[in-house]
């Protein structure tokens, strides 16, 4: 199974991605985790990404596409994968389509987790208080949500037009949301 996971900040993508990948025995490819690994290992991709991240900028599409192209060719990805945090823009989605075509693969589904905006803000503020994450302050949360609406939300229509989109209510208990996702995929 090959999946894309989407949804606004705070909707629980990471939590649900871990549970879904365990259920389907596929690899979880989180762009954030992959970038942190590349930075930690001081690779060329990591060094390039770090310069953008340190300036508060998004990592360029071509760098992410190159990294994902490499990752999707590994043996661990052959049994299936869940892409978490990628693609985030229409150019990345089109680039992913090209990579998959080259690999003679296609996505099975694009899962979009949804939630009420006020609930997301509440969740993120709580998460910031518990974890001490600097990016979970109200001002930064609103900025991240706007970036999501501007850059990532257009992917919803992109995957809807391809008849790959599944929308899942991301409000509720964690196991309940996982069950919704799994039922929609089987």
C-alpha atoms as a PDB file:
ATOM      1  CA  UNK A   1       0.000   0.000   0.000  1.00  0.00           C
ATOM      2  CA  UNK A   2       1.296   3.448  -0.980  1.00  0.00           C
ATOM      3  CA  UNK A   3      -0.252   6.402   0.855  1.00  0.00           C
ATOM      4  CA  UNK A   4       0.067  10.156   1.224  1.00  0.00           C
ATOM      5  CA  UNK A   5      -1.028  11.645   4.570  1.00  0.00           C
ATOM      6  CA  UNK A   6      -2.216  15.242   4.659  1.00  0.00           C
ATOM      7  CA  UNK A   7      -3.859  17.563   7.137  1.00  0.00           C
ATOM      8  CA  UNK A   8      -3.298  20.820   8.974  1.00  0.00           C
ATOM      9  CA  UNK A   9      -0.781  21.204  11.818  1.00  0.00           C
ATOM     10  CA  UNK A  10      -2.044  19.545  14.997  1.00  0.00           C
ATOM     11  CA  UNK A  11      -4.491  17.145  13.367  1.00  0.00           C
ATOM     12  CA  UNK A  12      -2.468  14.116  14.484  1.00  0.00           C
ATOM     13  CA  UNK A  13      -0.788  13.028  11.243  1.00  0.00           C
ATOM     14  CA  UNK A  14       2.343  11.728  12.963  1.00  0.00           C
ATOM     15  CA  UNK A  15       0.433   9.767  15.593  1.00  0.00           C
ATOM     16  CA  UNK A  16      -1.918   8.232  13.044  1.00  0.00           C
ATOM     17  CA  UNK A  17       0.875   7.566  10.557  1.00  0.00           C
ATOM     18  CA  UNK A  18       2.712   5.436  13.132  1.00  0.00           C
ATOM     19  CA  UNK A  19      -0.435   3.429  13.886  1.00  0.00           C
ATOM     20  CA  UNK A  20      -1.408   2.956  10.228  1.00  0.00           C
ATOM     21  CA  UNK A  21       2.083   1.913   9.134  1.00  0.00           C
ATOM     22  CA  UNK A  22       2.224  -0.633  11.952  1.00  0.00           C
ATOM     23  CA  UNK A  23      -1.180  -2.024  10.957  1.00  0.00           C
ATOM     24  CA  UNK A  24      -0.315  -2.370   7.245  1.00  0.00           C
ATOM     25  CA  UNK A  25       3.373  -3.238   7.861  1.00  0.00           C
ATOM     26  CA  UNK A  26       4.618  -0.465   5.580  1.00  0.00           C
ATOM     27  CA  UNK A  27       7.383   2.084   6.107  1.00  0.00           C
ATOM     28  CA  UNK A  28       6.619   5.542   7.525  1.00  0.00           C
ATOM     29  CA  UNK A  29       8.502   8.185   5.548  1.00  0.00           C
ATOM     30  CA  UNK A  30       8.244  11.451   7.462  1.00  0.00           C
ATOM     31  CA  UNK A  31       9.914  14.318   5.637  1.00  0.00           C
ATOM     32  CA  UNK A  32      10.727  16.012   8.951  1.00  0.00           C
ATOM     33  CA  UNK A  33      12.364  12.866  10.341  1.00  0.00           C
ATOM     34  CA  UNK A  34      14.276  12.268   7.108  1.00  0.00           C
ATOM     35  CA  UNK A  35      15.579  15.837   7.045  1.00  0.00           C
ATOM     36  CA  UNK A  36      16.637  15.670  10.708  1.00  0.00           C
ATOM     37  CA  UNK A  37      18.448  12.385   9.961  1.00  0.00           C
ATOM     38  CA  UNK A  38      20.235  13.925   6.965  1.00  0.00           C
ATOM     39  CA  UNK A  39      21.256  16.957   9.066  1.00  0.00           C
ATOM     40  CA  UNK A  40      22.458  14.740  11.929  1.00  0.00           C
ATOM     41  CA  UNK A  41      24.521  12.643   9.491  1.00  0.00           C
ATOM     42  CA  UNK A  42      25.897  15.826   7.879  1.00  0.00           C
ATOM     43  CA  UNK A  43      25.034  14.649   4.371  1.00  0.00           C
ATOM     44  CA  UNK A  44      24.956  16.961   1.361  1.00  0.00           C
ATOM     45  CA  UNK A  45      21.132  17.028   1.560  1.00  0.00           C
ATOM     46  CA  UNK A  46      21.296  17.714   5.276  1.00  0.00           C
ATOM     47  CA  UNK A  47      23.754  20.586   4.896  1.00  0.00           C
ATOM     48  CA  UNK A  48      21.676  22.169   2.109  1.00  0.00           C
ATOM     49  CA  UNK A  49      18.391  21.727   3.980  1.00  0.00           C
ATOM     50  CA  UNK A  50      19.855  23.154   7.188  1.00  0.00           C
ATOM     51  CA  UNK A  51      20.766  26.450   5.520  1.00  0.00           C
ATOM     52  CA  UNK A  52      17.139  26.970   4.481  1.00  0.00           C
ATOM     53  CA  UNK A  53      15.669  25.718   7.751  1.00  0.00           C
ATOM     54  CA  UNK A  54      17.955  27.964   9.818  1.00  0.00           C
ATOM     55  CA  UNK A  55      16.654  30.947   7.828  1.00  0.00           C
ATOM     56  CA  UNK A  56      13.058  29.911   8.536  1.00  0.00           C
ATOM     57  CA  UNK A  57      12.476  28.971   4.898  1.00  0.00           C
ATOM     58  CA  UNK A  58      10.944  25.853   3.399  1.00  0.00           C
ATOM     59  CA  UNK A  59      13.382  23.322   1.976  1.00  0.00           C
ATOM     60  CA  UNK A  60      13.273  23.697  -1.839  1.00  0.00           C
ATOM     61  CA  UNK A  61      11.145  21.291  -3.838  1.00  0.00           C
ATOM     62  CA  UNK A  62      14.040  19.988  -5.933  1.00  0.00           C
ATOM     63  CA  UNK A  63      16.026  18.967  -2.848  1.00  0.00           C
ATOM     64  CA  UNK A  64      13.019  17.180  -1.299  1.00  0.00           C
ATOM     65  CA  UNK A  65      12.182  15.457  -4.589  1.00  0.00           C
ATOM     66  CA  UNK A  66      15.767  14.248  -4.974  1.00  0.00           C
ATOM     67  CA  UNK A  67      15.768  12.920  -1.405  1.00  0.00           C
ATOM     68  CA  UNK A  68      12.367  11.208  -1.789  1.00  0.00           C
ATOM     69  CA  UNK A  69      13.330   9.739  -5.161  1.00  0.00           C
ATOM     70  CA  UNK A  70      16.317   8.108  -3.489  1.00  0.00           C
ATOM     71  CA  UNK A  71      14.255   6.919  -0.501  1.00  0.00           C
ATOM     72  CA  UNK A  72      11.446   5.395  -2.590  1.00  0.00           C
ATOM     73  CA  UNK A  73      14.002   3.257  -4.445  1.00  0.00           C
ATOM     74  CA  UNK A  74      15.231   1.539  -1.259  1.00  0.00           C
ATOM     75  CA  UNK A  75      14.188  -2.056  -0.529  1.00  0.00           C
ATOM     76  CA  UNK A  76      12.296  -0.949   2.605  1.00  0.00           C
ATOM     77  CA  UNK A  77       9.909   1.055   0.400  1.00  0.00           C
ATOM     78  CA  UNK A  78       9.099  -1.764  -2.001  1.00  0.00           C
ATOM     79  CA  UNK A  79       6.466  -3.307   0.319  1.00  0.00           C
ATOM     80  CA  UNK A  80       4.655   0.023   0.609  1.00  0.00           C
ATOM     81  CA  UNK A  81       4.941   3.311   2.409  1.00  0.00           C
ATOM     82  CA  UNK A  82       3.131   6.203   3.967  1.00  0.00           C
ATOM     83  CA  UNK A  83       4.413   9.657   3.025  1.00  0.00           C
ATOM     84  CA  UNK A  84       3.987  12.073   5.935  1.00  0.00           C
ATOM     85  CA  UNK A  85       4.785  15.724   5.235  1.00  0.00           C
ATOM     86  CA  UNK A  86       5.389  15.133   1.544  1.00  0.00           C
ATOM     87  CA  UNK A  87       4.180  16.332  -0.863  1.00  0.00           C
ATOM     88  CA  UNK A  88       3.316  19.744   0.593  1.00  0.00           C
ATOM     89  CA  UNK A  89       2.960  21.728  -2.617  1.00  0.00           C
ATOM     90  CA  UNK A  90       1.543  21.128  -6.087  1.00  0.00           C
ATOM     91  CA  UNK A  91       5.038  21.090  -7.671  1.00  0.00           C
ATOM     92  CA  UNK A  92       6.073  18.425  -5.136  1.00  0.00           C
ATOM     93  CA  UNK A  93       2.936  16.385  -5.945  1.00  0.00           C
ATOM     94  CA  UNK A  94       3.666  16.581  -9.668  1.00  0.00           C
ATOM     95  CA  UNK A  95       7.299  15.655  -8.993  1.00  0.00           C
ATOM     96  CA  UNK A  96       6.137  12.684  -6.913  1.00  0.00           C
ATOM     97  CA  UNK A  97       3.906  11.581  -9.803  1.00  0.00           C
ATOM     98  CA  UNK A  98       6.972  11.621 -12.086  1.00  0.00           C
ATOM     99  CA  UNK A  99       9.032   9.620  -9.592  1.00  0.00           C
ATOM    100  CA  UNK A 100       6.249   7.039  -9.213  1.00  0.00           C
ATOM    101  CA  UNK A 101       5.818   6.782 -12.983  1.00  0.00           C
ATOM    102  CA  UNK A 102       9.556   6.145 -13.314  1.00  0.00           C
ATOM    103  CA  UNK A 103       9.263   3.437 -10.622  1.00  0.00           C
ATOM    104  CA  UNK A 104       6.182   1.990 -12.369  1.00  0.00           C
ATOM    105  CA  UNK A 105       4.139   2.650  -9.212  1.00  0.00           C
ATOM    106  CA  UNK A 106       1.100   4.686  -8.271  1.00  0.00           C
ATOM    107  CA  UNK A 107      -0.430   5.919  -5.049  1.00  0.00           C
ATOM    108  CA  UNK A 108      -3.271   3.906  -3.586  1.00  0.00           C
ATOM    109  CA  UNK A 109      -4.798   6.736  -1.560  1.00  0.00           C
ATOM    110  CA  UNK A 110      -4.272  10.260  -0.267  1.00  0.00           C
ATOM    111  CA  UNK A 111      -5.656  10.496   3.265  1.00  0.00           C
ATOM    112  CA  UNK A 112      -6.677  13.958   4.437  1.00  0.00           C
ATOM    113  CA  UNK A 113      -7.259  14.287   8.179  1.00  0.00           C
ATOM    114  CA  UNK A 114      -9.655  17.123   8.985  1.00  0.00           C
ATOM    115  CA  UNK A 115     -10.493  19.015  12.173  1.00  0.00           C
ATOM    116  CA  UNK A 116     -12.067  22.229  13.381  1.00  0.00           C
ATOM    117  CA  UNK A 117      -9.571  25.123  13.361  1.00  0.00           C
ATOM    118  CA  UNK A 118     -10.250  26.117  16.996  1.00  0.00           C
ATOM    119  CA  UNK A 119      -9.728  22.522  18.117  1.00  0.00           C
ATOM    120  CA  UNK A 120      -6.397  22.412  16.286  1.00  0.00           C
ATOM    121  CA  UNK A 121      -5.204  25.614  17.960  1.00  0.00           C
ATOM    122  CA  UNK A 122      -6.237  24.232  21.363  1.00  0.00           C
ATOM    123  CA  UNK A 123      -4.384  20.948  20.699  1.00  0.00           C
ATOM    124  CA  UNK A 124      -1.216  22.672  19.555  1.00  0.00           C
ATOM    125  CA  UNK A 125      -1.138  25.055  22.514  1.00  0.00           C
ATOM    126  CA  UNK A 126      -1.521  22.075  24.865  1.00  0.00           C
ATOM    127  CA  UNK A 127       1.200  20.183  23.007  1.00  0.00           C
ATOM    128  CA  UNK A 128       3.500  23.192  23.287  1.00  0.00           C
ATOM    129  CA  UNK A 129       2.860  23.458  27.029  1.00  0.00           C
ATOM    130  CA  UNK A 130       3.593  19.752  27.529  1.00  0.00           C
ATOM    131  CA  UNK A 131       6.591  19.414  25.234  1.00  0.00           C
ATOM    132  CA  UNK A 132       8.094  22.888  25.334  1.00  0.00           C
ATOM    133  CA  UNK A 133       8.046  23.083  21.526  1.00  0.00           C
ATOM    134  CA  UNK A 134       8.786  26.639  20.419  1.00  0.00           C
ATOM    135  CA  UNK A 135       6.666  26.273  17.284  1.00  0.00           C
ATOM    136  CA  UNK A 136       3.460  25.663  19.269  1.00  0.00           C
ATOM    137  CA  UNK A 137       2.833  29.248  20.408  1.00  0.00           C
ATOM    138  CA  UNK A 138      -0.457  30.870  19.256  1.00  0.00           C
ATOM    139  CA  UNK A 139       1.202  33.286  16.779  1.00  0.00           C
ATOM    140  CA  UNK A 140       3.374  30.619  15.183  1.00  0.00           C
ATOM    141  CA  UNK A 141       0.420  28.198  15.092  1.00  0.00           C
ATOM    142  CA  UNK A 142      -1.669  30.720  13.139  1.00  0.00           C
ATOM    143  CA  UNK A 143       1.218  31.333  10.729  1.00  0.00           C
ATOM    144  CA  UNK A 144       1.729  27.590  10.176  1.00  0.00           C
ATOM    145  CA  UNK A 145      -1.997  27.157   9.549  1.00  0.00           C
ATOM    146  CA  UNK A 146      -1.948  29.953   6.970  1.00  0.00           C
ATOM    147  CA  UNK A 147       1.062  28.394   5.227  1.00  0.00           C
ATOM    148  CA  UNK A 148      -0.842  25.097   5.194  1.00  0.00           C
ATOM    149  CA  UNK A 149      -3.954  26.722   3.694  1.00  0.00           C
ATOM    150  CA  UNK A 150      -1.923  28.542   1.059  1.00  0.00           C
ATOM    151  CA  UNK A 151       0.490  25.811   0.007  1.00  0.00           C
ATOM    152  CA  UNK A 152      -0.801  22.400   1.044  1.00  0.00           C
ATOM    153  CA  UNK A 153      -4.595  22.662   0.928  1.00  0.00           C
ATOM    154  CA  UNK A 154      -4.554  22.812  -2.936  1.00  0.00           C
ATOM    155  CA  UNK A 155      -3.346  19.193  -2.832  1.00  0.00           C
ATOM    156  CA  UNK A 156      -6.797  18.193  -1.594  1.00  0.00           C
ATOM    157  CA  UNK A 157      -8.339  19.126  -4.949  1.00  0.00           C
ATOM    158  CA  UNK A 158      -5.351  17.672  -6.813  1.00  0.00           C
ATOM    159  CA  UNK A 159      -5.880  14.233  -5.271  1.00  0.00           C
ATOM    160  CA  UNK A 160      -9.681  14.525  -5.395  1.00  0.00           C
ATOM    161  CA  UNK A 161      -9.456  15.003  -9.185  1.00  0.00           C
ATOM    162  CA  UNK A 162      -7.312  11.858  -9.355  1.00  0.00           C
ATOM    163  CA  UNK A 163      -9.979  10.016  -7.311  1.00  0.00           C
ATOM    164  CA  UNK A 164      -7.405   9.149  -4.649  1.00  0.00           C
ATOM    165  CA  UNK A 165      -8.654  11.362  -1.817  1.00  0.00           C
ATOM    166  CA  UNK A 166     -10.178  10.016   1.377  1.00  0.00           C
ATOM    167  CA  UNK A 167     -11.217  12.560   4.010  1.00  0.00           C
ATOM    168  CA  UNK A 168     -11.187  11.409   7.628  1.00  0.00           C
ATOM    169  CA  UNK A 169     -12.495  13.273  10.669  1.00  0.00           C
ATOM    170  CA  UNK A 170      -9.407  13.767  12.876  1.00  0.00           C
ATOM    171  CA  UNK A 171     -11.405  14.567  16.028  1.00  0.00           C
ATOM    172  CA  UNK A 172     -11.923  11.860  18.622  1.00  0.00           C
ATOM    173  CA  UNK A 173      -9.940   9.308  20.548  1.00  0.00           C
ATOM    174  CA  UNK A 174      -6.730   8.147  18.868  1.00  0.00           C
ATOM    175  CA  UNK A 175      -7.837   4.479  18.385  1.00  0.00           C
ATOM    176  CA  UNK A 176     -11.204   5.635  17.035  1.00  0.00           C
ATOM    177  CA  UNK A 177      -9.514   7.812  14.389  1.00  0.00           C
ATOM    178  CA  UNK A 178      -7.139   4.970  13.479  1.00  0.00           C
ATOM    179  CA  UNK A 179     -10.136   2.656  12.976  1.00  0.00           C
ATOM    180  CA  UNK A 180     -11.761   5.223  10.655  1.00  0.00           C
ATOM    181  CA  UNK A 181      -8.613   5.400   8.563  1.00  0.00           C
ATOM    182  CA  UNK A 182      -8.071   1.636   8.365  1.00  0.00           C
ATOM    183  CA  UNK A 183     -11.725   0.970   7.475  1.00  0.00           C
ATOM    184  CA  UNK A 184     -11.558   3.558   4.692  1.00  0.00           C
ATOM    185  CA  UNK A 185      -8.472   1.864   3.238  1.00  0.00           C
ATOM    186  CA  UNK A 186      -9.703  -1.727   3.302  1.00  0.00           C
END
